[in-house]
Amino acid sequence: MDFAHTAAAERARRTKSTQLARWCYARGIDHRVLDLDATVLRFIARQADVNPPHQPGPLSPPRRLVGDLLTARAEWAARHNHPPALQ
């Protein structure tokens, strides 16, 4: 079994995705970040102090997780009258 299919790899992907989603949310960037070009996504990841995901494409596990986290956070904020981000 290679590292990509281990529990440690899953934890690493989740940690990276959570950090990236927090960075995006704090700047008012929503789940549509997944629609951006790969070059822009790499730039955003580096700005968030995260190594860019290795898997290409918008449906890669880390990118899907970032989108899911941003969507869940936005839904929570809407239910709790919380502004989407500090402007």
N, C-alpha and C. Protein backbone atom coordinates (compact mmCIF):
# COMPACT_ATOMS: atom_id res chain seq x y z
N MET A 1 0.85 -1.17 0.00
CA MET A 1 0.00 0.00 0.00
C MET A 1 0.90 1.24 0.00
N ASP A 2 0.56 2.21 -0.83
CA ASP A 2 1.34 3.44 -0.86
C ASP A 2 0.75 4.45 0.14
N PHE A 3 1.50 5.49 0.43
CA PHE A 3 1.11 6.46 1.44
C PHE A 3 -0.23 7.13 1.13
N ALA A 4 -0.53 7.36 -0.13
CA ALA A 4 -1.76 8.07 -0.52
C ALA A 4 -3.03 7.39 -0.02
N HIS A 5 -2.95 6.11 0.29
CA HIS A 5 -4.15 5.37 0.70
C HIS A 5 -4.12 4.98 2.17
N THR A 6 -3.36 5.71 2.97
CA THR A 6 -3.26 5.41 4.39
C THR A 6 -4.07 6.40 5.22
N ALA A 7 -4.31 6.06 6.45
CA ALA A 7 -5.02 6.97 7.37
C ALA A 7 -4.22 8.24 7.59
N ALA A 8 -2.90 8.12 7.62
CA ALA A 8 -2.06 9.30 7.81
C ALA A 8 -2.21 10.26 6.64
N ALA A 9 -2.30 9.74 5.43
CA ALA A 9 -2.49 10.59 4.25
C ALA A 9 -3.84 11.29 4.31
N GLU A 10 -4.85 10.59 4.75
CA GLU A 10 -6.19 11.19 4.87
C GLU A 10 -6.18 12.31 5.90
N ARG A 11 -5.50 12.10 7.02
CA ARG A 11 -5.39 13.16 8.05
C ARG A 11 -4.64 14.36 7.49
N ALA A 12 -3.59 14.12 6.75
CA ALA A 12 -2.81 15.21 6.16
C ALA A 12 -3.65 16.01 5.17
N ARG A 13 -4.43 15.31 4.34
CA ARG A 13 -5.31 16.00 3.38
C ARG A 13 -6.35 16.84 4.11
N ARG A 14 -6.91 16.28 5.18
CA ARG A 14 -7.94 17.00 5.94
C ARG A 14 -7.34 18.24 6.61
N THR A 15 -6.16 18.11 7.17
CA THR A 15 -5.50 19.25 7.81
C THR A 15 -5.21 20.35 6.80
N LYS A 16 -4.66 19.96 5.66
CA LYS A 16 -4.35 20.93 4.61
C LYS A 16 -5.62 21.60 4.09
N SER A 17 -6.65 20.84 3.87
CA SER A 17 -7.91 21.38 3.36
C SER A 17 -8.56 22.32 4.38
N THR A 18 -8.50 21.96 5.64
CA THR A 18 -9.08 22.81 6.69
C THR A 18 -8.34 24.14 6.76
N GLN A 19 -7.03 24.11 6.72
CA GLN A 19 -6.24 25.33 6.77
C GLN A 19 -6.54 26.21 5.56
N LEU A 20 -6.64 25.61 4.40
CA LEU A 20 -6.93 26.37 3.19
C LEU A 20 -8.35 26.95 3.23
N ALA A 21 -9.31 26.17 3.69
CA ALA A 21 -10.69 26.66 3.79
C ALA A 21 -10.79 27.81 4.79
N ARG A 22 -10.09 27.72 5.90
CA ARG A 22 -10.11 28.82 6.89
C ARG A 22 -9.53 30.09 6.28
N TRP A 23 -8.44 29.96 5.55
CA TRP A 23 -7.82 31.12 4.92
C TRP A 23 -8.79 31.75 3.93
N CYS A 24 -9.42 30.94 3.10
CA CYS A 24 -10.37 31.45 2.11
C CYS A 24 -11.56 32.12 2.80
N TYR A 25 -12.11 31.48 3.81
CA TYR A 25 -13.28 32.01 4.49
C TYR A 25 -12.98 33.36 5.13
N ALA A 26 -11.82 33.49 5.73
CA ALA A 26 -11.45 34.74 6.39
C ALA A 26 -11.33 35.89 5.40
N ARG A 27 -11.17 35.56 4.12
CA ARG A 27 -11.04 36.59 3.09
C ARG A 27 -12.27 36.70 2.20
N GLY A 28 -13.34 36.05 2.61
CA GLY A 28 -14.59 36.15 1.86
C GLY A 28 -14.61 35.34 0.58
N ILE A 29 -13.74 34.35 0.45
CA ILE A 29 -13.70 33.50 -0.73
C ILE A 29 -14.57 32.28 -0.46
N ASP A 30 -15.55 32.04 -1.31
CA ASP A 30 -16.48 30.94 -1.06
C ASP A 30 -16.14 29.70 -1.88
N HIS A 31 -17.06 28.75 -1.91
CA HIS A 31 -16.83 27.47 -2.58
C HIS A 31 -16.52 27.61 -4.07
N ARG A 32 -16.82 28.75 -4.65
CA ARG A 32 -16.52 28.95 -6.07
C ARG A 32 -15.02 29.04 -6.35
N VAL A 33 -14.23 29.04 -5.27
CA VAL A 33 -12.78 29.00 -5.44
C VAL A 33 -12.38 27.78 -6.26
N LEU A 34 -13.18 26.73 -6.22
CA LEU A 34 -12.88 25.51 -6.96
C LEU A 34 -12.99 25.70 -8.47
N ASP A 35 -13.70 26.74 -8.89
CA ASP A 35 -13.87 27.00 -10.32
C ASP A 35 -12.67 27.74 -10.91
N LEU A 36 -11.75 28.16 -10.06
CA LEU A 36 -10.60 28.93 -10.52
C LEU A 36 -9.57 28.04 -11.21
N ASP A 37 -8.75 28.67 -11.99
CA ASP A 37 -7.66 28.00 -12.70
C ASP A 37 -6.68 27.39 -11.69
N ALA A 38 -6.04 26.30 -12.08
CA ALA A 38 -5.09 25.60 -11.20
C ALA A 38 -3.95 26.52 -10.75
N THR A 39 -3.53 27.43 -11.62
CA THR A 39 -2.45 28.36 -11.26
C THR A 39 -2.89 29.26 -10.12
N VAL A 40 -4.11 29.75 -10.18
CA VAL A 40 -4.65 30.62 -9.13
C VAL A 40 -4.82 29.82 -7.83
N LEU A 41 -5.28 28.59 -7.95
CA LEU A 41 -5.44 27.76 -6.76
C LEU A 41 -4.10 27.49 -6.08
N ARG A 42 -3.05 27.27 -6.87
CA ARG A 42 -1.72 27.07 -6.29
C ARG A 42 -1.26 28.34 -5.57
N PHE A 43 -1.53 29.50 -6.18
CA PHE A 43 -1.16 30.77 -5.56
C PHE A 43 -1.90 30.94 -4.23
N ILE A 44 -3.20 30.67 -4.22
CA ILE A 44 -3.99 30.79 -3.00
C ILE A 44 -3.46 29.84 -1.93
N ALA A 45 -3.14 28.62 -2.30
CA ALA A 45 -2.61 27.66 -1.34
C ALA A 45 -1.30 28.16 -0.74
N ARG A 46 -0.46 28.70 -1.56
CA ARG A 46 0.82 29.21 -1.04
C ARG A 46 0.60 30.40 -0.12
N GLN A 47 -0.36 31.27 -0.46
CA GLN A 47 -0.68 32.40 0.40
C GLN A 47 -1.21 31.92 1.76
N ALA A 48 -1.91 30.81 1.74
CA ALA A 48 -2.46 30.24 2.97
C ALA A 48 -1.41 29.43 3.73
N ASP A 49 -0.18 29.43 3.22
CA ASP A 49 0.92 28.69 3.82
C ASP A 49 0.66 27.18 3.83
N VAL A 50 0.10 26.70 2.72
CA VAL A 50 -0.22 25.29 2.54
C VAL A 50 0.44 24.84 1.23
N ASN A 51 1.02 23.66 1.24
CA ASN A 51 1.52 23.12 -0.02
C ASN A 51 0.33 22.83 -0.93
N PRO A 52 0.39 23.27 -2.18
CA PRO A 52 -0.73 23.03 -3.09
C PRO A 52 -1.02 21.54 -3.24
N PRO A 53 -2.30 21.18 -3.38
CA PRO A 53 -2.66 19.76 -3.57
C PRO A 53 -1.98 19.20 -4.82
N HIS A 54 -1.57 17.95 -4.74
CA HIS A 54 -0.90 17.31 -5.87
C HIS A 54 -1.89 16.83 -6.92
N GLN A 55 -3.09 16.48 -6.50
CA GLN A 55 -4.06 15.94 -7.45
C GLN A 55 -4.60 17.06 -8.33
N PRO A 56 -4.58 16.86 -9.63
CA PRO A 56 -5.11 17.88 -10.53
C PRO A 56 -6.63 17.81 -10.61
N GLY A 57 -7.21 18.89 -11.05
CA GLY A 57 -8.64 18.90 -11.32
C GLY A 57 -9.48 19.35 -10.15
N PRO A 58 -10.64 19.91 -10.45
CA PRO A 58 -11.51 20.46 -9.42
C PRO A 58 -12.16 19.39 -8.54
N LEU A 59 -12.12 18.14 -8.96
CA LEU A 59 -12.77 17.09 -8.19
C LEU A 59 -11.78 16.26 -7.37
N SER A 60 -10.56 16.77 -7.22
CA SER A 60 -9.58 16.05 -6.40
C SER A 60 -10.06 16.08 -4.94
N PRO A 61 -9.71 15.08 -4.16
CA PRO A 61 -10.20 15.02 -2.78
C PRO A 61 -9.91 16.28 -1.95
N PRO A 62 -8.71 16.86 -1.98
CA PRO A 62 -8.49 18.06 -1.18
C PRO A 62 -9.36 19.24 -1.63
N ARG A 63 -9.51 19.41 -2.93
CA ARG A 63 -10.32 20.53 -3.42
C ARG A 63 -11.79 20.33 -3.10
N ARG A 64 -12.27 19.10 -3.22
CA ARG A 64 -13.67 18.83 -2.87
C ARG A 64 -13.89 19.11 -1.39
N LEU A 65 -12.95 18.72 -0.56
CA LEU A 65 -13.07 18.94 0.87
C LEU A 65 -13.07 20.43 1.20
N VAL A 66 -12.23 21.20 0.55
CA VAL A 66 -12.22 22.65 0.75
C VAL A 66 -13.59 23.23 0.40
N GLY A 67 -14.14 22.82 -0.74
CA GLY A 67 -15.46 23.29 -1.14
C GLY A 67 -16.53 22.90 -0.13
N ASP A 68 -16.48 21.66 0.35
CA ASP A 68 -17.45 21.20 1.34
C ASP A 68 -17.34 21.99 2.64
N LEU A 69 -16.11 22.25 3.07
CA LEU A 69 -15.91 23.01 4.31
C LEU A 69 -16.39 24.44 4.17
N LEU A 70 -16.11 25.07 3.03
CA LEU A 70 -16.56 26.44 2.82
C LEU A 70 -18.08 26.52 2.74
N THR A 71 -18.70 25.55 2.09
CA THR A 71 -20.15 25.52 2.00
C THR A 71 -20.77 25.32 3.38
N ALA A 72 -20.23 24.39 4.16
CA ALA A 72 -20.75 24.13 5.51
C ALA A 72 -20.59 25.36 6.39
N ARG A 73 -19.47 26.03 6.29
CA ARG A 73 -19.24 27.24 7.11
C ARG A 73 -20.20 28.35 6.71
N ALA A 74 -20.43 28.53 5.43
CA ALA A 74 -21.36 29.56 4.97
C ALA A 74 -22.79 29.25 5.42
N GLU A 75 -23.17 27.98 5.38
CA GLU A 75 -24.51 27.59 5.85
C GLU A 75 -24.65 27.83 7.34
N TRP A 76 -23.62 27.51 8.11
CA TRP A 76 -23.64 27.75 9.55
C TRP A 76 -23.77 29.24 9.83
N ALA A 77 -22.98 30.05 9.12
CA ALA A 77 -23.01 31.50 9.32
C ALA A 77 -24.39 32.07 8.99
N ALA A 78 -25.02 31.56 7.95
CA ALA A 78 -26.35 32.04 7.57
C ALA A 78 -27.38 31.70 8.65
N ARG A 79 -27.27 30.53 9.25
CA ARG A 79 -28.20 30.13 10.31
C ARG A 79 -27.99 30.92 11.60
N HIS A 80 -26.78 31.41 11.81
CA HIS A 80 -26.45 32.06 13.07
C HIS A 80 -26.24 33.56 12.93
N ASN A 81 -26.69 34.14 11.83
CA ASN A 81 -26.56 35.58 11.60
C ASN A 81 -25.13 36.06 11.77
N HIS A 82 -24.21 35.32 11.24
CA HIS A 82 -22.79 35.63 11.34
C HIS A 82 -22.34 36.15 9.99
N PRO A 83 -21.60 37.26 9.95
CA PRO A 83 -21.13 37.75 8.64
C PRO A 83 -20.22 36.72 7.98
N PRO A 84 -20.24 36.62 6.65
CA PRO A 84 -19.45 35.63 5.94
C PRO A 84 -17.95 35.75 6.19
N ALA A 85 -17.47 36.95 6.40
CA ALA A 85 -16.04 37.13 6.66
C ALA A 85 -15.81 38.54 7.19
N LEU A 86 -14.70 38.70 7.84
CA LEU A 86 -14.33 40.04 8.28
C LEU A 86 -13.78 40.78 7.08
N GLN A 87 -14.39 41.86 6.74
CA GLN A 87 -13.96 42.62 5.57
C GLN A 87 -12.85 43.59 5.91
